[in-house]
Amino acid sequence: MKSPLARRPVIAWALYDWGNSAFATTVMAGFFPVFFKQYWNAGAEASISTFRLGLANGIGSLLIALLAPLLGAMADRGGARLRMLAFFTLIGASMTAALYWVQQGDWVTAVFVYAAAGFGFSGGVTFNDALLVDVTQPAEYDLVSAYGYSLGYAGGGLLLLLNVAMVTNPGFFGIADAAEAVRLSFPMVGIWWLLFSVPNLLWVREQRPARPLKPLEAAHAGLNELFATMREIRRLRPLVWFLLAYWMYIDGVNTIIKMAVDFGLSLGFPQQSLIAALLITQFVALPAALAFGWLGSRIGARNGIFIAIGAYSLATVAAYWMDSIWHFYLLAVVIGLVQGGIQSLSRSCFASMVPPGKQGEYFGFYNMMGKFAAVLGPLLVGITALVTGNTRIGILSVIVLFAGGAALLARSRAAA
């Protein structure tokens, strides 16, 4: 029997993760925090630039969080999940490339261009997640979801490796200096992202409604269906508790991803060492994501998520006492072992709860919770660091999110 991972629609769907993960690695976790602090915020205090970074990460996430459920409902009724995916991909990739032209010291423009890129990234993720149910069967959700994340770590890691080589040895590539190499990495990410979205748009076939609606009709029907779904979701108690749990713990995950490099810079660690730690996380996460997919199919997705939350909690507490770059490397390995697992098992666990024909809409709610979390977490770290004047206490505040997520996840299992 042919492996589900060898089917062309599955490969095409997973390649979108390969492409868009370059934004998550090179831009979101890697170069943007460094460049934002040292180039666009040159001369600002560490706590001030950390607060501004939290603001940048929050704006685009808040906008997509508010719109995702409605857009998902419209896409379901209009049979337009692939078209919406293409639309958000174009926004995200073009705005990422536009970061090249933001001038030194102009942190305000950097915030809004980056927020627009994050808006496109988040929207693309929403509709790609919804297409999981179109490319495989429920029994394969854990494995295929993990496959997507593992390819994402591979693709994002490879481009990050090339970008790091450009920054550390710009002369070899004919580039003037390291700053110019960082700036060039932004349009490279945009092109990479667009290129690897093409197979998904060509080879994936979504399950369309019997009578797809025109855009305005779909908007009206989507709005009506959104309110109906909000009433319906309240009756699906395990799903409600799971969404609330996801909102809490994925907040912690996203915050660690977005703020780790900024935290390391605040502690005085070298930029090159921090980027090396990101590469460690990427390539450790590649096989680990697949392993978690296998684990989820054996012990259940929720149990796998509990294991990952525990590891994240221990890593967050350990980060408070971090005093050497080797400590940062060790935590990068720990995070790499569980990062892909918690993301892929969350996606597959939720997919198993979604009523047929409502994938876009329900995944709109799913990603809405994740994006609201992406608003809260960075702001929590940024405000805590600003109020206390201590970035260690700022990063430690994330433990509240993991503890709350674990408690709500246990409640969702009890309600099932």
Protein backbone atom coordinates (compact mmCIF):
# COMPACT_ATOMS: atom_id res chain seq x y z
CA MET A 1 0.00 0.00 0.00
CA LYS A 2 1.36 3.41 -0.97
CA SER A 3 2.46 5.53 1.97
CA PRO A 4 0.31 8.64 2.51
CA LEU A 5 3.53 10.67 2.56
CA ALA A 6 4.25 9.65 -1.04
CA ARG A 7 0.95 10.94 -2.45
CA ARG A 8 1.31 14.05 -4.61
CA PRO A 9 -1.37 16.17 -2.83
CA VAL A 10 0.23 15.42 0.55
CA ILE A 11 3.70 16.36 -0.73
CA ALA A 12 2.34 19.56 -2.30
CA TRP A 13 0.49 20.50 0.89
CA ALA A 14 3.60 19.86 3.02
CA LEU A 15 5.77 21.92 0.66
CA TYR A 16 3.78 24.98 1.67
CA ASP A 17 5.17 24.44 5.18
CA TRP A 18 8.62 24.10 3.59
CA GLY A 19 8.18 27.50 1.92
CA ASN A 20 6.44 29.63 4.53
CA SER A 21 8.63 28.35 7.37
CA ALA A 22 11.42 30.52 5.97
CA PHE A 23 9.45 33.49 7.32
CA ALA A 24 9.19 31.85 10.74
CA THR A 25 12.92 31.06 10.88
CA THR A 26 14.92 33.66 8.95
CA VAL A 27 12.56 36.58 9.65
CA MET A 28 10.38 36.02 12.72
CA ALA A 29 12.78 34.10 14.94
CA GLY A 30 16.13 35.03 13.41
CA PHE A 31 17.05 38.24 11.64
CA PHE A 32 14.10 40.52 12.36
CA PRO A 33 14.59 40.57 16.18
CA VAL A 34 18.33 41.16 15.73
CA PHE A 35 17.93 43.81 13.03
CA PHE A 36 15.02 45.44 14.85
CA LYS A 37 17.10 45.88 18.00
CA GLN A 38 20.44 46.81 16.43
CA TYR A 39 19.48 48.57 13.16
CA TRP A 40 15.93 49.91 13.36
CA ASN A 41 16.21 50.64 17.14
CA ALA A 42 19.85 51.69 17.25
CA GLY A 43 20.58 53.45 20.55
CA ALA A 44 17.36 52.41 22.33
CA GLU A 45 17.47 50.66 25.72
CA ALA A 46 17.00 46.87 25.67
CA SER A 47 13.70 46.96 27.57
CA ILE A 48 12.30 49.62 25.19
CA SER A 49 13.24 47.70 22.03
CA THR A 50 11.82 44.48 23.57
CA PHE A 51 8.51 46.29 24.16
CA ARG A 52 8.50 47.57 20.56
CA LEU A 53 9.23 44.04 19.26
CA GLY A 54 6.27 42.72 21.23
CA LEU A 55 4.15 45.44 19.63
CA ALA A 56 5.37 44.48 16.15
CA ASN A 57 4.56 40.83 16.74
CA GLY A 58 1.14 41.65 18.13
CA ILE A 59 -0.38 43.99 15.51
CA GLY A 60 -0.64 41.64 12.51
CA SER A 61 -1.63 38.73 14.73
CA LEU A 62 -4.48 40.75 16.26
CA LEU A 63 -5.88 41.68 12.85
CA ILE A 64 -5.88 38.13 11.48
CA ALA A 65 -7.27 36.85 14.79
CA LEU A 66 -10.30 39.11 14.39
CA LEU A 67 -10.85 38.21 10.72
CA ALA A 68 -9.87 34.51 10.52
CA PRO A 69 -13.22 32.89 11.45
CA LEU A 70 -15.20 35.09 9.03
CA LEU A 71 -12.67 34.55 6.23
CA GLY A 72 -12.77 30.82 6.90
CA ALA A 73 -16.56 30.73 6.71
CA MET A 74 -16.48 32.70 3.45
CA ALA A 75 -13.89 30.35 2.00
CA ASP A 76 -15.95 27.28 2.93
CA ARG A 77 -19.16 28.61 1.37
CA GLY A 78 -17.38 29.89 -1.72
CA GLY A 79 -15.06 26.91 -2.15
CA ALA A 80 -12.18 29.37 -1.96
CA ARG A 81 -9.70 28.03 0.60
CA LEU A 82 -6.98 27.71 -2.06
CA ARG A 83 -7.68 31.18 -3.41
CA MET A 84 -7.53 32.66 0.08
CA LEU A 85 -4.27 30.82 0.63
CA ALA A 86 -2.84 32.40 -2.52
CA PHE A 87 -4.08 35.87 -1.49
CA PHE A 88 -2.48 35.80 1.96
CA THR A 89 0.71 34.25 0.61
CA LEU A 90 1.09 37.13 -1.84
CA ILE A 91 0.61 39.69 0.94
CA GLY A 92 3.03 37.98 3.29
CA ALA A 93 5.77 37.35 0.74
CA SER A 94 5.63 40.85 -0.78
CA MET A 95 5.66 42.61 2.60
CA THR A 96 8.55 40.44 3.75
CA ALA A 97 10.52 41.46 0.67
CA ALA A 98 9.62 45.12 1.35
CA LEU A 99 11.58 45.06 4.62
CA TYR A 100 14.68 45.46 2.44
CA TRP A 101 13.77 49.10 1.81
CA VAL A 102 13.09 50.16 5.43
CA GLN A 103 15.78 52.65 6.43
CA GLN A 104 18.01 52.48 9.51
CA GLY A 105 16.38 53.91 12.65
CA ASP A 106 12.87 53.79 11.17
CA TRP A 107 11.40 51.37 13.70
CA VAL A 108 7.83 52.60 13.12
CA THR A 109 7.84 51.64 9.42
CA ALA A 110 9.58 48.38 10.31
CA VAL A 111 6.77 47.56 12.77
CA PHE A 112 3.99 48.11 10.25
CA VAL A 113 5.68 46.37 7.30
CA TYR A 114 6.55 43.41 9.51
CA ALA A 115 3.00 43.36 10.92
CA ALA A 116 1.61 43.21 7.36
CA ALA A 117 3.98 40.34 6.55
CA GLY A 118 2.86 38.58 9.73
CA PHE A 119 -0.77 39.13 8.70
CA GLY A 120 -0.10 37.34 5.40
CA PHE A 121 1.83 34.58 7.13
CA SER A 122 -0.93 33.94 9.66
CA GLY A 123 -3.67 33.98 7.02
CA GLY A 124 -1.73 31.52 4.87
CA VAL A 125 -1.25 29.19 7.82
CA THR A 126 -4.99 29.31 8.57
CA PHE A 127 -6.03 28.11 5.12
CA ASN A 128 -3.19 25.63 4.72
CA ASP A 129 -4.16 24.05 8.04
CA ALA A 130 -7.76 23.80 6.82
CA LEU A 131 -6.59 21.89 3.73
CA LEU A 132 -5.21 19.04 5.87
CA VAL A 133 -8.59 17.31 5.74
CA ASP A 134 -8.59 17.59 1.92
CA VAL A 135 -5.31 15.76 1.39
CA THR A 136 -5.63 12.82 3.77
CA GLN A 137 -7.93 10.73 5.99
CA PRO A 138 -8.58 11.08 9.75
CA ALA A 139 -6.46 8.03 10.64
CA GLU A 140 -3.48 9.73 8.96
CA TYR A 141 -3.90 13.23 10.41
CA ASP A 142 -1.16 12.89 13.07
CA LEU A 143 1.42 11.52 10.61
CA VAL A 144 0.65 13.92 7.73
CA SER A 145 0.49 16.95 10.02
CA ALA A 146 3.88 16.01 11.49
CA TYR A 147 5.23 15.51 7.97
CA GLY A 148 4.27 19.07 7.10
CA TYR A 149 6.03 20.46 10.15
CA SER A 150 9.13 18.33 9.55
CA LEU A 151 9.40 19.62 5.97
CA GLY A 152 8.86 23.11 7.35
CA TYR A 153 11.83 22.73 9.67
CA ALA A 154 13.93 21.38 6.79
CA GLY A 155 13.00 24.14 4.33
CA GLY A 156 13.17 26.96 6.85
CA GLY A 157 16.43 25.61 8.22
CA LEU A 158 18.11 25.32 4.81
CA LEU A 159 17.34 28.89 3.81
CA LEU A 160 18.34 30.14 7.25
CA LEU A 161 21.65 28.27 6.87
CA LEU A 162 22.28 30.04 3.55
CA ASN A 163 21.30 33.42 5.02
CA VAL A 164 23.59 32.89 8.01
CA ALA A 165 26.47 32.05 5.64
CA MET A 166 25.77 35.30 3.78
CA VAL A 167 25.85 37.32 7.01
CA THR A 168 28.99 35.70 8.42
CA ASN A 169 30.94 35.82 5.14
CA PRO A 170 29.37 38.54 2.96
CA GLY A 171 32.46 39.02 0.82
CA PHE A 172 32.26 35.44 -0.47
CA PHE A 173 28.81 36.22 -1.88
CA GLY A 174 29.82 39.60 -3.29
CA ILE A 175 27.84 41.49 -0.63
CA ALA A 176 29.12 44.72 0.89
CA ASP A 177 28.68 43.88 4.58
CA ALA A 178 26.65 41.88 7.12
CA ALA A 179 23.87 44.49 7.33
CA GLU A 180 23.35 44.32 3.58
CA ALA A 181 23.29 40.51 3.79
CA VAL A 182 20.52 40.66 6.40
CA ARG A 183 18.54 43.10 4.26
CA LEU A 184 18.91 40.81 1.20
CA SER A 185 17.62 37.86 3.20
CA PHE A 186 14.14 39.46 3.37
CA PRO A 187 13.39 39.37 -0.41
CA MET A 188 15.01 35.91 -0.55
CA VAL A 189 12.45 34.68 1.97
CA GLY A 190 9.61 36.22 -0.04
CA ILE A 191 10.72 34.47 -3.24
CA TRP A 192 11.28 31.14 -1.44
CA TRP A 193 7.82 31.35 0.11
CA LEU A 194 6.11 32.08 -3.23
CA LEU A 195 8.03 29.39 -5.09
CA PHE A 196 7.09 26.55 -2.77
CA SER A 197 3.44 27.59 -2.56
CA VAL A 198 2.96 26.76 -6.26
CA PRO A 199 2.67 22.92 -5.89
CA ASN A 200 -0.05 23.37 -3.26
CA LEU A 201 -2.07 25.60 -5.59
CA LEU A 202 -1.64 23.20 -8.53
CA TRP A 203 -2.05 19.76 -6.97
CA VAL A 204 -4.32 20.09 -3.94
CA ARG A 205 -8.06 19.82 -4.58
CA GLU A 206 -10.31 21.14 -1.85
CA GLN A 207 -13.72 19.67 -1.11
CA ARG A 208 -16.01 22.33 -2.58
CA PRO A 209 -19.66 22.88 -1.65
CA ALA A 210 -22.31 21.65 -4.10
CA ARG A 211 -23.06 25.26 -5.11
CA PRO A 212 -20.10 27.59 -4.49
CA LEU A 213 -21.21 31.14 -3.79
CA LYS A 214 -19.94 34.35 -5.35
CA PRO A 215 -17.73 36.54 -3.13
CA LEU A 216 -20.45 38.89 -1.84
CA GLU A 217 -22.89 36.01 -1.34
CA ALA A 218 -20.17 34.04 0.40
CA ALA A 219 -19.44 37.01 2.70
CA HIS A 220 -23.11 37.31 3.67
CA ALA A 221 -23.56 33.58 4.10
CA GLY A 222 -20.24 33.32 5.90
CA LEU A 223 -21.26 35.99 8.40
CA ASN A 224 -24.56 34.23 9.11
CA GLU A 225 -22.80 30.88 9.39
CA LEU A 226 -20.16 32.37 11.67
CA PHE A 227 -22.78 33.36 14.24
CA ALA A 228 -24.44 29.96 13.90
CA THR A 229 -21.09 28.24 14.41
CA MET A 230 -20.37 30.31 17.49
CA ARG A 231 -23.60 29.01 18.97
CA GLU A 232 -22.79 25.48 17.81
CA ILE A 233 -19.25 25.50 19.21
CA ARG A 234 -20.56 26.28 22.68
CA ARG A 235 -22.33 22.91 22.64
CA LEU A 236 -19.16 21.03 21.63
CA ARG A 237 -17.63 21.15 25.09
CA PRO A 238 -14.46 19.11 24.42
CA LEU A 239 -13.70 21.35 21.43
CA VAL A 240 -14.30 24.53 23.46
CA TRP A 241 -11.95 23.42 26.23
CA PHE A 242 -9.36 22.34 23.69
CA LEU A 243 -9.48 25.73 21.94
CA LEU A 244 -9.01 27.53 25.26
CA ALA A 245 -6.12 25.22 26.17
CA TYR A 246 -4.53 25.76 22.77
CA TRP A 247 -4.89 29.51 23.20
CA MET A 248 -2.86 29.34 26.40
CA TYR A 249 -0.08 26.89 25.63
CA ILE A 250 0.52 27.86 22.00
CA ASP A 251 0.86 31.43 23.25
CA GLY A 252 3.85 30.26 25.24
CA VAL A 253 5.28 28.41 22.23
CA ASN A 254 4.90 31.38 19.89
CA THR A 255 6.37 33.74 22.46
CA ILE A 256 9.47 31.58 22.89
CA ILE A 257 9.89 31.45 19.10
CA LYS A 258 9.52 35.21 18.63
CA MET A 259 11.35 36.50 21.69
CA ALA A 260 14.19 33.99 22.27
CA VAL A 261 16.78 35.83 20.17
CA ASP A 262 15.82 39.19 21.69
CA PHE A 263 16.22 37.61 25.16
CA GLY A 264 19.66 36.27 24.27
CA LEU A 265 20.75 39.67 22.95
CA SER A 266 19.55 41.30 26.16
CA LEU A 267 21.80 38.91 28.11
CA GLY A 268 24.77 39.94 25.96
CA PHE A 269 25.17 36.75 23.91
CA PRO A 270 26.77 37.15 20.45
CA GLN A 271 24.41 37.47 17.52
CA GLN A 272 26.12 34.69 15.57
CA SER A 273 25.79 32.26 18.47
CA LEU A 274 22.07 32.97 18.81
CA ILE A 275 21.47 32.32 15.12
CA ALA A 276 23.48 29.09 15.44
CA ALA A 277 21.12 28.06 18.24
CA LEU A 278 18.16 28.64 15.91
CA LEU A 279 19.77 26.32 13.36
CA ILE A 280 20.19 23.69 16.08
CA THR A 281 16.48 23.96 16.90
CA GLN A 282 15.49 23.64 13.25
CA PHE A 283 17.45 20.50 12.48
CA VAL A 284 16.68 18.79 15.80
CA ALA A 285 12.98 19.52 15.22
CA LEU A 286 12.93 17.90 11.78
CA PRO A 287 13.09 14.24 12.95
CA ALA A 288 11.48 15.10 16.29
CA ALA A 289 8.28 16.33 14.59
CA LEU A 290 7.93 13.02 12.73
CA ALA A 291 8.64 11.12 15.95
CA PHE A 292 5.86 13.03 17.72
CA GLY A 293 3.50 12.17 14.86
CA TRP A 294 4.25 8.49 15.44
CA LEU A 295 3.96 8.96 19.22
CA GLY A 296 0.58 10.68 18.86
CA SER A 297 -0.77 7.76 16.83
CA ARG A 298 0.30 5.41 19.66
CA ILE A 299 -0.55 7.23 22.90
CA GLY A 300 -3.01 9.84 21.61
CA ALA A 301 -2.43 13.42 20.50
CA ARG A 302 -3.44 14.95 23.85
CA ASN A 303 -0.91 12.88 25.80
CA GLY A 304 1.81 13.89 23.36
CA ILE A 305 0.85 17.54 23.86
CA PHE A 306 1.10 17.14 27.66
CA ILE A 307 4.67 15.83 27.27
CA ALA A 308 5.62 18.82 25.12
CA ILE A 309 4.05 21.34 27.55
CA GLY A 310 6.07 19.80 30.38
CA ALA A 311 9.31 20.17 28.43
CA TYR A 312 8.53 23.78 27.53
CA SER A 313 7.76 24.62 31.16
CA LEU A 314 11.06 23.21 32.39
CA ALA A 315 12.96 25.06 29.64
CA THR A 316 11.26 28.37 30.54
CA VAL A 317 12.18 28.05 34.21
CA ALA A 318 15.75 27.08 33.29
CA ALA A 319 16.04 30.14 31.03
CA TYR A 320 15.67 32.43 34.06
CA TRP A 321 19.08 31.29 35.36
CA MET A 322 20.78 31.23 31.95
CA ASP A 323 24.31 32.64 32.13
CA SER A 324 26.24 31.13 29.19
CA ILE A 325 25.76 30.55 25.50
CA TRP A 326 26.14 26.80 26.07
CA HIS A 327 23.07 26.95 28.29
CA PHE A 328 21.25 28.63 25.38
CA TYR A 329 22.41 25.83 23.01
CA LEU A 330 21.16 23.15 25.43
CA LEU A 331 17.75 24.78 25.67
CA ALA A 332 17.68 25.05 21.86
CA VAL A 333 18.02 21.26 21.67
CA VAL A 334 15.21 20.76 24.23
CA ILE A 335 12.90 23.16 22.38
CA GLY A 336 13.73 21.50 19.06
CA LEU A 337 12.70 18.11 20.44
CA VAL A 338 9.17 19.28 21.26
CA GLN A 339 8.40 22.37 19.16
CA GLY A 340 7.27 20.57 16.00
CA GLY A 341 5.49 17.94 18.06
CA ILE A 342 3.26 20.32 19.98
CA GLN A 343 2.36 22.20 16.80
CA SER A 344 1.65 19.15 14.63
CA LEU A 345 -0.30 17.21 17.27
CA SER A 346 -2.40 20.29 18.07
CA ARG A 347 -3.33 20.63 14.39
CA SER A 348 -4.19 16.96 13.96
CA CYS A 349 -6.07 16.75 17.28
CA PHE A 350 -8.26 19.68 16.29
CA ALA A 351 -8.79 18.33 12.75
CA SER A 352 -10.28 15.17 14.26
CA MET A 353 -12.94 17.31 16.02
CA VAL A 354 -14.02 19.42 13.03
CA PRO A 355 -17.48 18.72 11.52
CA PRO A 356 -17.33 17.83 7.80
CA GLY A 357 -17.58 20.76 5.38
CA LYS A 358 -16.58 23.38 7.94
CA GLN A 359 -12.82 23.04 7.83
CA GLY A 360 -12.02 26.64 6.87
CA GLU A 361 -14.41 28.12 9.38
CA TYR A 362 -13.37 25.92 12.30
CA PHE A 363 -9.69 26.29 11.52
CA GLY A 364 -10.40 30.02 11.43
CA PHE A 365 -11.43 29.73 15.08
CA TYR A 366 -8.41 27.50 15.77
CA ASN A 367 -5.99 30.01 14.28
CA MET A 368 -7.90 32.89 15.86
CA MET A 369 -7.05 31.42 19.26
CA GLY A 370 -3.44 30.99 18.21
CA LYS A 371 -3.20 34.54 16.91
CA PHE A 372 -4.86 36.06 19.97
CA ALA A 373 -2.24 34.11 21.89
CA ALA A 374 0.43 35.63 19.67
CA VAL A 375 -0.87 39.04 20.74
CA LEU A 376 -0.85 38.30 24.47
CA GLY A 377 2.45 36.45 24.86
CA PRO A 378 4.94 38.91 23.34
CA LEU A 379 3.14 41.81 25.00
CA LEU A 380 3.24 39.97 28.34
CA VAL A 381 6.99 39.48 28.05
CA GLY A 382 7.56 43.02 26.75
CA ILE A 383 5.44 44.76 29.41
CA THR A 384 6.86 42.61 32.23
CA ALA A 385 10.40 43.42 31.08
CA LEU A 386 9.51 47.12 30.81
CA VAL A 387 7.86 47.32 34.25
CA THR A 388 10.51 45.31 36.10
CA GLY A 389 13.47 46.44 34.01
CA ASN A 390 14.51 42.77 33.92
CA THR A 391 14.23 40.65 30.76
CA ARG A 392 14.75 37.45 32.79
CA ILE A 393 11.50 38.08 34.67
CA GLY A 394 9.87 38.91 31.34
CA ILE A 395 10.70 35.51 29.85
CA LEU A 396 9.78 33.73 33.09
CA SER A 397 6.24 35.14 32.85
CA VAL A 398 5.60 32.70 30.00
CA ILE A 399 5.33 29.82 32.52
CA VAL A 400 1.85 31.08 33.42
CA LEU A 401 0.68 30.32 29.88
CA PHE A 402 1.99 26.74 29.88
CA ALA A 403 0.47 26.00 33.29
CA GLY A 404 -2.91 27.39 32.26
CA GLY A 405 -2.82 25.50 28.96
CA ALA A 406 -2.10 22.19 30.68
CA ALA A 407 -4.97 22.70 33.13
CA LEU A 408 -7.45 23.48 30.34
CA LEU A 409 -6.20 20.59 28.21
CA ALA A 410 -6.90 18.24 31.09
CA ARG A 411 -10.40 19.73 31.29
CA SER A 412 -10.92 19.09 27.57
CA ARG A 413 -10.04 15.42 28.02
CA ALA A 414 -12.42 15.12 30.96
CA ALA A 415 -15.24 16.65 28.86
CA ALA A 416 -14.65 14.28 25.92
